[in-house]
Amino acid sequence: MSLFQGLNISSSALTMNRFRMDVISSNIANANTTRAKLQNGEWVPYQRKMVEISPTGGKPFRSFLDKAVGTQSGPLTAGVQVSKIKTDRTPFNLVYDPTHPDADQEGYVRLPNVDIAKEMVDMMSATRSYEANVTALNASKGMFLKALEIGK
């Protein structure tokens, strides 16, 4: 294992969680956007976006376990990465508001499929993961400093 592998793992997780928080913030900011994009001459509401995460290098957990036990040879990369951003395909929320400029002939407005409560839970989860990785990064840094003190 490389001396800096722990730092690399934590930094990739920090980057991924920061990106996750950016996507969640975008979802919250567009929770009432009824005209997100023009599709076939008709405005479509904003669709909730979700981040898909995968391990760096695409190796499954089993390969890391085999390497740790010593049954596999060769270097392994570690960390996480954003593999893609998916759009949530749940139906739009229909709200009756005949005075809204985007209301249909029956008076219903299609609102984005963003649930603020769900977004806040996801934001708290991403924040806690970010904080945990900062703690792991600081622990690694502290171990390096203590190791340097031994050489004095």
N, C-alpha and C. Protein backbone atom coordinates (compact mmCIF):
# COMPACT_ATOMS: atom_id res chain seq x y z
N MET A 1 0.85 -1.18 0.00
CA MET A 1 0.00 0.00 0.00
C MET A 1 0.89 1.24 0.00
N SER A 2 0.54 2.17 -0.82
CA SER A 2 1.28 3.41 -0.94
C SER A 2 1.11 4.26 0.31
N LEU A 3 2.10 5.07 0.57
CA LEU A 3 2.05 5.96 1.73
C LEU A 3 0.89 6.94 1.62
N PHE A 4 0.60 7.38 0.43
CA PHE A 4 -0.43 8.39 0.24
C PHE A 4 -1.78 7.82 -0.21
N GLN A 5 -1.94 6.49 -0.20
CA GLN A 5 -3.19 5.89 -0.67
C GLN A 5 -4.37 6.32 0.20
N GLY A 6 -4.18 6.41 1.50
CA GLY A 6 -5.26 6.85 2.38
C GLY A 6 -5.69 8.27 2.07
N LEU A 7 -4.72 9.13 1.77
CA LEU A 7 -5.05 10.51 1.39
C LEU A 7 -5.78 10.57 0.06
N ASN A 8 -5.36 9.72 -0.88
CA ASN A 8 -6.02 9.69 -2.19
C ASN A 8 -7.46 9.20 -2.08
N ILE A 9 -7.69 8.20 -1.23
CA ILE A 9 -9.05 7.68 -1.04
C ILE A 9 -9.94 8.76 -0.44
N SER A 10 -9.44 9.42 0.61
CA SER A 10 -10.23 10.46 1.25
C SER A 10 -10.49 11.64 0.32
N SER A 11 -9.49 12.02 -0.46
CA SER A 11 -9.68 13.15 -1.37
C SER A 11 -10.69 12.83 -2.47
N SER A 12 -10.70 11.58 -2.96
CA SER A 12 -11.69 11.23 -3.98
C SER A 12 -13.09 11.24 -3.39
N ALA A 13 -13.23 10.80 -2.14
CA ALA A 13 -14.54 10.82 -1.48
C ALA A 13 -14.98 12.26 -1.20
N LEU A 14 -14.05 13.13 -0.83
CA LEU A 14 -14.39 14.53 -0.61
C LEU A 14 -14.89 15.18 -1.90
N THR A 15 -14.23 14.91 -2.99
CA THR A 15 -14.63 15.46 -4.28
C THR A 15 -16.00 14.94 -4.70
N MET A 16 -16.23 13.65 -4.50
CA MET A 16 -17.51 13.05 -4.87
C MET A 16 -18.64 13.62 -4.02
N ASN A 17 -18.43 13.76 -2.71
CA ASN A 17 -19.48 14.28 -1.84
C ASN A 17 -19.77 15.76 -2.11
N ARG A 18 -18.74 16.52 -2.45
CA ARG A 18 -18.96 17.92 -2.81
C ARG A 18 -19.80 18.00 -4.08
N PHE A 19 -19.53 17.14 -5.04
CA PHE A 19 -20.31 17.12 -6.28
C PHE A 19 -21.75 16.70 -6.00
N ARG A 20 -21.91 15.72 -5.11
CA ARG A 20 -23.25 15.28 -4.71
C ARG A 20 -24.05 16.43 -4.10
N MET A 21 -23.38 17.22 -3.24
CA MET A 21 -24.05 18.37 -2.63
C MET A 21 -24.42 19.42 -3.67
N ASP A 22 -23.57 19.59 -4.69
CA ASP A 22 -23.89 20.53 -5.77
C ASP A 22 -25.14 20.11 -6.54
N VAL A 23 -25.26 18.82 -6.82
CA VAL A 23 -26.43 18.31 -7.55
C VAL A 23 -27.69 18.45 -6.69
N ILE A 24 -27.58 18.14 -5.41
CA ILE A 24 -28.73 18.27 -4.51
C ILE A 24 -29.14 19.74 -4.42
N SER A 25 -28.18 20.64 -4.35
CA SER A 25 -28.48 22.08 -4.31
C SER A 25 -29.21 22.52 -5.58
N SER A 26 -28.80 21.98 -6.70
CA SER A 26 -29.48 22.29 -7.96
C SER A 26 -30.92 21.79 -7.94
N ASN A 27 -31.13 20.60 -7.39
CA ASN A 27 -32.49 20.07 -7.28
C ASN A 27 -33.37 20.98 -6.43
N ILE A 28 -32.84 21.42 -5.29
CA ILE A 28 -33.60 22.28 -4.40
C ILE A 28 -33.88 23.63 -5.06
N ALA A 29 -32.89 24.18 -5.75
CA ALA A 29 -33.06 25.48 -6.39
C ALA A 29 -34.11 25.43 -7.51
N ASN A 30 -34.27 24.27 -8.13
CA ASN A 30 -35.22 24.15 -9.24
C ASN A 30 -36.51 23.43 -8.86
N ALA A 31 -36.83 23.40 -7.58
CA ALA A 31 -38.00 22.66 -7.11
C ALA A 31 -39.30 23.22 -7.67
N ASN A 32 -39.33 24.46 -8.12
CA ASN A 32 -40.54 25.06 -8.68
C ASN A 32 -40.39 25.50 -10.13
N THR A 33 -39.37 25.03 -10.81
CA THR A 33 -39.11 25.43 -12.19
C THR A 33 -40.00 24.64 -13.15
N THR A 34 -40.94 25.31 -13.76
CA THR A 34 -41.87 24.63 -14.67
C THR A 34 -41.41 24.68 -16.12
N ARG A 35 -40.40 25.49 -16.40
CA ARG A 35 -39.89 25.61 -17.78
C ARG A 35 -38.38 25.36 -17.80
N ALA A 36 -38.01 24.12 -17.67
CA ALA A 36 -36.58 23.77 -17.62
C ALA A 36 -35.99 23.60 -19.01
N LYS A 37 -36.72 22.90 -19.89
CA LYS A 37 -36.22 22.76 -21.26
C LYS A 37 -37.38 22.64 -22.23
N LEU A 38 -37.10 23.04 -23.44
CA LEU A 38 -38.10 23.02 -24.51
C LEU A 38 -37.97 21.69 -25.24
N GLN A 39 -39.07 20.93 -25.25
CA GLN A 39 -39.04 19.63 -25.88
C GLN A 39 -40.23 19.50 -26.82
N ASN A 40 -39.99 19.35 -28.10
CA ASN A 40 -41.04 19.24 -29.11
C ASN A 40 -41.99 20.45 -29.07
N GLY A 41 -41.45 21.61 -28.86
CA GLY A 41 -42.25 22.82 -28.83
C GLY A 41 -43.03 23.05 -27.55
N GLU A 42 -42.79 22.24 -26.54
CA GLU A 42 -43.51 22.36 -25.27
C GLU A 42 -42.50 22.41 -24.13
N TRP A 43 -42.77 23.28 -23.16
CA TRP A 43 -41.88 23.38 -22.01
C TRP A 43 -42.09 22.20 -21.07
N VAL A 44 -40.97 21.64 -20.60
CA VAL A 44 -41.01 20.50 -19.67
C VAL A 44 -40.43 20.96 -18.34
N PRO A 45 -41.07 20.57 -17.22
CA PRO A 45 -40.55 20.96 -15.90
C PRO A 45 -39.18 20.32 -15.63
N TYR A 46 -38.50 20.88 -14.66
CA TYR A 46 -37.19 20.36 -14.23
C TYR A 46 -37.37 18.94 -13.72
N GLN A 47 -36.42 18.07 -14.06
CA GLN A 47 -36.44 16.70 -13.54
C GLN A 47 -35.33 16.55 -12.53
N ARG A 48 -35.65 15.91 -11.42
CA ARG A 48 -34.69 15.67 -10.35
C ARG A 48 -33.50 14.88 -10.88
N LYS A 49 -32.32 15.27 -10.45
CA LYS A 49 -31.09 14.59 -10.85
C LYS A 49 -30.53 13.81 -9.67
N MET A 50 -29.92 12.68 -9.96
CA MET A 50 -29.31 11.83 -8.94
C MET A 50 -27.90 11.45 -9.38
N VAL A 51 -27.00 11.34 -8.42
CA VAL A 51 -25.61 11.00 -8.70
C VAL A 51 -25.40 9.51 -8.50
N GLU A 52 -24.79 8.87 -9.48
CA GLU A 52 -24.44 7.46 -9.36
C GLU A 52 -22.94 7.37 -9.08
N ILE A 53 -22.59 6.62 -8.05
CA ILE A 53 -21.21 6.53 -7.57
C ILE A 53 -20.68 5.13 -7.82
N SER A 54 -19.40 5.04 -8.18
CA SER A 54 -18.76 3.74 -8.37
C SER A 54 -17.33 3.81 -7.84
N PRO A 55 -16.76 2.65 -7.53
CA PRO A 55 -15.35 2.67 -7.09
C PRO A 55 -14.43 3.06 -8.24
N THR A 56 -13.33 3.71 -7.91
CA THR A 56 -12.36 4.10 -8.92
C THR A 56 -11.77 2.85 -9.55
N GLY A 57 -11.71 2.84 -10.85
CA GLY A 57 -11.17 1.69 -11.56
C GLY A 57 -12.22 0.62 -11.82
N GLY A 58 -13.39 0.75 -11.23
CA GLY A 58 -14.47 -0.19 -11.47
C GLY A 58 -14.25 -1.58 -10.88
N LYS A 59 -13.34 -1.71 -9.92
CA LYS A 59 -13.09 -3.02 -9.34
C LYS A 59 -14.08 -3.29 -8.21
N PRO A 60 -14.61 -4.52 -8.14
CA PRO A 60 -15.55 -4.84 -7.07
C PRO A 60 -14.85 -5.00 -5.73
N PHE A 61 -15.63 -4.96 -4.66
CA PHE A 61 -15.08 -5.06 -3.31
C PHE A 61 -14.31 -6.36 -3.13
N ARG A 62 -14.74 -7.43 -3.76
CA ARG A 62 -14.09 -8.74 -3.60
C ARG A 62 -12.61 -8.67 -3.99
N SER A 63 -12.28 -7.90 -5.02
CA SER A 63 -10.88 -7.80 -5.44
C SER A 63 -10.04 -7.11 -4.38
N PHE A 64 -10.61 -6.13 -3.66
CA PHE A 64 -9.88 -5.47 -2.58
C PHE A 64 -9.68 -6.44 -1.41
N LEU A 65 -10.69 -7.24 -1.12
CA LEU A 65 -10.60 -8.22 -0.05
C LEU A 65 -9.55 -9.28 -0.38
N ASP A 66 -9.55 -9.77 -1.61
CA ASP A 66 -8.55 -10.74 -2.03
C ASP A 66 -7.14 -10.18 -1.93
N LYS A 67 -6.97 -8.93 -2.31
CA LYS A 67 -5.65 -8.28 -2.22
C LYS A 67 -5.20 -8.17 -0.77
N ALA A 68 -6.12 -7.81 0.13
CA ALA A 68 -5.77 -7.67 1.54
C ALA A 68 -5.41 -9.01 2.16
N VAL A 69 -6.08 -10.07 1.75
CA VAL A 69 -5.80 -11.40 2.29
C VAL A 69 -4.53 -11.97 1.67
N GLY A 70 -4.20 -11.52 0.48
CA GLY A 70 -2.98 -11.97 -0.18
C GLY A 70 -3.21 -13.02 -1.23
N THR A 71 -4.44 -13.19 -1.67
CA THR A 71 -4.74 -14.20 -2.69
C THR A 71 -4.73 -13.64 -4.10
N GLN A 72 -4.43 -12.37 -4.24
CA GLN A 72 -4.41 -11.73 -5.55
C GLN A 72 -3.16 -10.86 -5.63
N SER A 73 -2.59 -10.79 -6.81
CA SER A 73 -1.41 -9.94 -6.97
C SER A 73 -1.73 -8.80 -7.92
N GLY A 74 -0.92 -7.80 -7.88
CA GLY A 74 -1.11 -6.65 -8.76
C GLY A 74 -1.64 -5.46 -8.00
N PRO A 75 -1.36 -4.27 -8.50
CA PRO A 75 -1.81 -3.06 -7.81
C PRO A 75 -3.31 -2.84 -7.95
N LEU A 76 -3.90 -2.29 -6.93
CA LEU A 76 -5.32 -1.92 -6.95
C LEU A 76 -5.44 -0.43 -6.73
N THR A 77 -6.34 0.18 -7.44
CA THR A 77 -6.63 1.57 -7.18
C THR A 77 -7.80 1.62 -6.21
N ALA A 78 -7.85 2.65 -5.42
CA ALA A 78 -8.91 2.77 -4.42
C ALA A 78 -9.49 4.16 -4.46
N GLY A 79 -10.72 4.26 -4.04
CA GLY A 79 -11.41 5.54 -4.00
C GLY A 79 -12.75 5.42 -4.69
N VAL A 80 -13.42 6.54 -4.80
CA VAL A 80 -14.73 6.57 -5.46
C VAL A 80 -14.75 7.66 -6.52
N GLN A 81 -15.71 7.54 -7.42
CA GLN A 81 -15.86 8.52 -8.48
C GLN A 81 -17.33 8.61 -8.86
N VAL A 82 -17.70 9.71 -9.47
CA VAL A 82 -19.05 9.86 -9.99
C VAL A 82 -19.08 9.17 -11.34
N SER A 83 -19.91 8.14 -11.47
CA SER A 83 -19.96 7.42 -12.74
C SER A 83 -20.92 8.08 -13.72
N LYS A 84 -22.06 8.58 -13.22
CA LYS A 84 -22.97 9.32 -14.11
C LYS A 84 -24.03 10.04 -13.28
N ILE A 85 -24.69 10.97 -13.94
CA ILE A 85 -25.80 11.70 -13.33
C ILE A 85 -27.06 11.21 -14.03
N LYS A 86 -27.99 10.67 -13.24
CA LYS A 86 -29.24 10.14 -13.79
C LYS A 86 -30.37 11.12 -13.51
N THR A 87 -31.38 11.11 -14.37
CA THR A 87 -32.58 11.89 -14.09
C THR A 87 -33.63 10.95 -13.51
N ASP A 88 -34.34 11.46 -12.52
CA ASP A 88 -35.39 10.69 -11.85
C ASP A 88 -36.59 10.62 -12.79
N ARG A 89 -37.08 9.44 -13.06
CA ARG A 89 -38.17 9.24 -14.00
C ARG A 89 -39.55 9.19 -13.33
N THR A 90 -39.64 9.55 -12.06
CA THR A 90 -40.95 9.57 -11.41
C THR A 90 -41.80 10.66 -12.07
N PRO A 91 -43.12 10.48 -12.06
CA PRO A 91 -43.97 11.47 -12.73
C PRO A 91 -43.94 12.83 -12.05
N PHE A 92 -44.24 13.84 -12.83
CA PHE A 92 -44.29 15.20 -12.30
C PHE A 92 -45.48 15.35 -11.36
N ASN A 93 -45.37 16.31 -10.45
CA ASN A 93 -46.46 16.60 -9.52
C ASN A 93 -47.48 17.50 -10.22
N LEU A 94 -48.75 17.13 -10.13
CA LEU A 94 -49.81 17.95 -10.71
C LEU A 94 -50.46 18.77 -9.60
N VAL A 95 -50.54 20.08 -9.83
CA VAL A 95 -51.14 20.99 -8.87
C VAL A 95 -52.20 21.80 -9.61
N TYR A 96 -53.35 21.93 -8.98
CA TYR A 96 -54.43 22.71 -9.59
C TYR A 96 -54.22 24.18 -9.31
N ASP A 97 -53.92 24.94 -10.36
CA ASP A 97 -53.75 26.39 -10.26
C ASP A 97 -54.06 26.99 -11.63
N PRO A 98 -55.34 27.26 -11.89
CA PRO A 98 -55.72 27.75 -13.22
C PRO A 98 -55.16 29.14 -13.56
N THR A 99 -54.66 29.88 -12.56
CA THR A 99 -54.10 31.21 -12.83
C THR A 99 -52.63 31.16 -13.25
N HIS A 100 -51.99 30.00 -13.10
CA HIS A 100 -50.57 29.85 -13.45
C HIS A 100 -50.41 29.92 -14.97
N PRO A 101 -49.37 30.61 -15.47
CA PRO A 101 -49.19 30.72 -16.92
C PRO A 101 -48.93 29.38 -17.62
N ASP A 102 -48.45 28.37 -16.88
CA ASP A 102 -48.16 27.07 -17.48
C ASP A 102 -49.27 26.04 -17.24
N ALA A 103 -50.42 26.49 -16.77
CA ALA A 103 -51.53 25.57 -16.52
C ALA A 103 -52.09 25.06 -17.84
N ASP A 104 -52.53 23.79 -17.83
CA ASP A 104 -53.15 23.24 -19.04
C ASP A 104 -54.62 23.69 -19.10
N GLN A 105 -55.37 23.16 -20.05
CA GLN A 105 -56.75 23.60 -20.24
C GLN A 105 -57.65 23.24 -19.05
N GLU A 106 -57.25 22.24 -18.29
CA GLU A 106 -58.05 21.83 -17.12
C GLU A 106 -57.61 22.57 -15.85
N GLY A 107 -56.56 23.40 -15.94
CA GLY A 107 -56.11 24.18 -14.80
C GLY A 107 -55.00 23.55 -13.99
N TYR A 108 -54.43 22.44 -14.45
CA TYR A 108 -53.36 21.76 -13.72
C TYR A 108 -51.99 22.19 -14.24
N VAL A 109 -51.07 22.34 -13.29
CA VAL A 109 -49.69 22.71 -13.61
C VAL A 109 -48.80 21.52 -13.27
N ARG A 110 -47.91 21.17 -14.19
CA ARG A 110 -46.92 20.12 -13.91
C ARG A 110 -45.72 20.75 -13.22
N LEU A 111 -45.47 20.31 -11.98
CA LEU A 111 -44.33 20.80 -11.21
C LEU A 111 -43.25 19.73 -11.18
N PRO A 112 -42.00 20.11 -10.94
CA PRO A 112 -40.91 19.14 -10.91
C PRO A 112 -41.14 18.03 -9.88
N ASN A 113 -40.49 16.89 -10.13
CA ASN A 113 -40.61 15.74 -9.24
C ASN A 113 -39.60 15.80 -8.09
N VAL A 114 -39.36 16.98 -7.57
CA VAL A 114 -38.40 17.20 -6.49
C VAL A 114 -39.16 17.24 -5.17
N ASP A 115 -38.74 16.38 -4.23
CA ASP A 115 -39.30 16.38 -2.89
C ASP A 115 -38.26 17.02 -1.97
N ILE A 116 -38.59 18.18 -1.41
CA ILE A 116 -37.63 18.93 -0.61
C ILE A 116 -37.16 18.13 0.60
N ALA A 117 -38.07 17.38 1.24
CA ALA A 117 -37.68 16.58 2.41
C ALA A 117 -36.65 15.52 2.03
N LYS A 118 -36.87 14.87 0.90
CA LYS A 118 -35.92 13.84 0.42
C LYS A 118 -34.57 14.48 0.09
N GLU A 119 -34.61 15.65 -0.51
CA GLU A 119 -33.36 16.35 -0.86
C GLU A 119 -32.59 16.76 0.40
N MET A 120 -33.31 17.20 1.42
CA MET A 120 -32.64 17.60 2.66
C MET A 120 -32.00 16.40 3.35
N VAL A 121 -32.67 15.24 3.32
CA VAL A 121 -32.08 14.02 3.89
C VAL A 121 -30.83 13.65 3.11
N ASP A 122 -30.89 13.71 1.78
CA ASP A 122 -29.71 13.42 0.96
C ASP A 122 -28.59 14.41 1.23
N MET A 123 -28.94 15.68 1.43
CA MET A 123 -27.93 16.70 1.72
C MET A 123 -27.26 16.44 3.07
N MET A 124 -28.06 16.06 4.07
CA MET A 124 -27.46 15.74 5.38
C MET A 124 -26.56 14.52 5.29
N SER A 125 -26.96 13.52 4.51
CA SER A 125 -26.13 12.33 4.32
C SER A 125 -24.82 12.68 3.64
N ALA A 126 -24.87 13.50 2.60
CA ALA A 126 -23.64 13.90 1.90
C ALA A 126 -22.75 14.74 2.81
N THR A 127 -23.36 15.60 3.63
CA THR A 127 -22.59 16.43 4.55
C THR A 127 -21.89 15.58 5.60
N ARG A 128 -22.60 14.60 6.14
CA ARG A 128 -21.99 13.71 7.15
C ARG A 128 -20.87 12.87 6.54
N SER A 129 -21.07 12.41 5.31
CA SER A 129 -20.01 11.65 4.64
C SER A 129 -18.79 12.53 4.39
N TYR A 130 -19.03 13.77 4.02
CA TYR A 130 -17.94 14.71 3.80
C TYR A 130 -17.17 14.92 5.10
N GLU A 131 -17.89 15.14 6.20
CA GLU A 131 -17.24 15.35 7.50
C GLU A 131 -16.44 14.12 7.94
N ALA A 132 -16.99 12.93 7.69
CA ALA A 132 -16.28 11.70 8.05
C ALA A 132 -14.98 11.57 7.26
N ASN A 133 -15.00 11.94 5.99
CA ASN A 133 -13.79 11.86 5.18
C ASN A 133 -12.77 12.92 5.57
N VAL A 134 -13.24 14.08 6.02
CA VAL A 134 -12.31 15.09 6.53
C VAL A 134 -11.63 14.56 7.79
N THR A 135 -12.39 13.90 8.65
CA THR A 135 -11.82 13.31 9.86
C THR A 135 -10.79 12.24 9.52
N ALA A 136 -11.09 11.38 8.55
CA ALA A 136 -10.14 10.35 8.12
C ALA A 136 -8.89 10.98 7.52
N LEU A 137 -9.07 12.04 6.75
CA LEU A 137 -7.93 12.74 6.15
C LEU A 137 -7.04 13.35 7.24
N ASN A 138 -7.67 13.97 8.23
CA ASN A 138 -6.91 14.55 9.34
C ASN A 138 -6.21 13.48 10.17
N ALA A 139 -6.83 12.33 10.33
CA ALA A 139 -6.18 11.23 11.07
C ALA A 139 -4.95 10.74 10.33
N SER A 140 -5.05 10.60 9.01
CA SER A 140 -3.89 10.19 8.21
C SER A 140 -2.77 11.23 8.30
N LYS A 141 -3.15 12.48 8.23
CA LYS A 141 -2.16 13.56 8.33
C LYS A 141 -1.48 13.53 9.71
N GLY A 142 -2.27 13.29 10.76
CA GLY A 142 -1.71 13.20 12.11
C GLY A 142 -0.73 12.04 12.25
N MET A 143 -1.05 10.91 11.61
CA MET A 143 -0.13 9.75 11.66
C MET A 143 1.17 10.06 10.94
N PHE A 144 1.08 10.77 9.81
CA PHE A 144 2.30 11.15 9.09
C PHE A 144 3.17 12.07 9.94
N LEU A 145 2.54 13.02 10.61
CA LEU A 145 3.30 13.95 11.46
C LEU A 145 3.96 13.22 12.62
N LYS A 146 3.25 12.28 13.23
CA LYS A 146 3.84 11.49 14.33
C LYS A 146 4.99 10.63 13.83
N ALA A 147 4.85 10.09 12.63
CA ALA A 147 5.94 9.29 12.06
C ALA A 147 7.17 10.16 11.80
N LEU A 148 6.96 11.40 11.39
CA LEU A 148 8.08 12.29 11.16
C LEU A 148 8.78 12.67 12.47
N GLU A 149 8.00 12.76 13.55
CA GLU A 149 8.57 13.07 14.86
C GLU A 149 9.48 11.95 15.36
N ILE A 150 9.21 10.72 14.95
CA ILE A 150 10.06 9.59 15.37
C ILE A 150 11.47 9.76 14.83
N GLY A 151 11.59 10.33 13.65
CA GLY A 151 12.89 10.50 13.02
C GLY A 151 13.73 11.61 13.63
N LYS A 152 13.18 12.39 14.54
CA LYS A 152 13.96 13.49 15.13
C LYS A 152 14.97 13.01 16.11
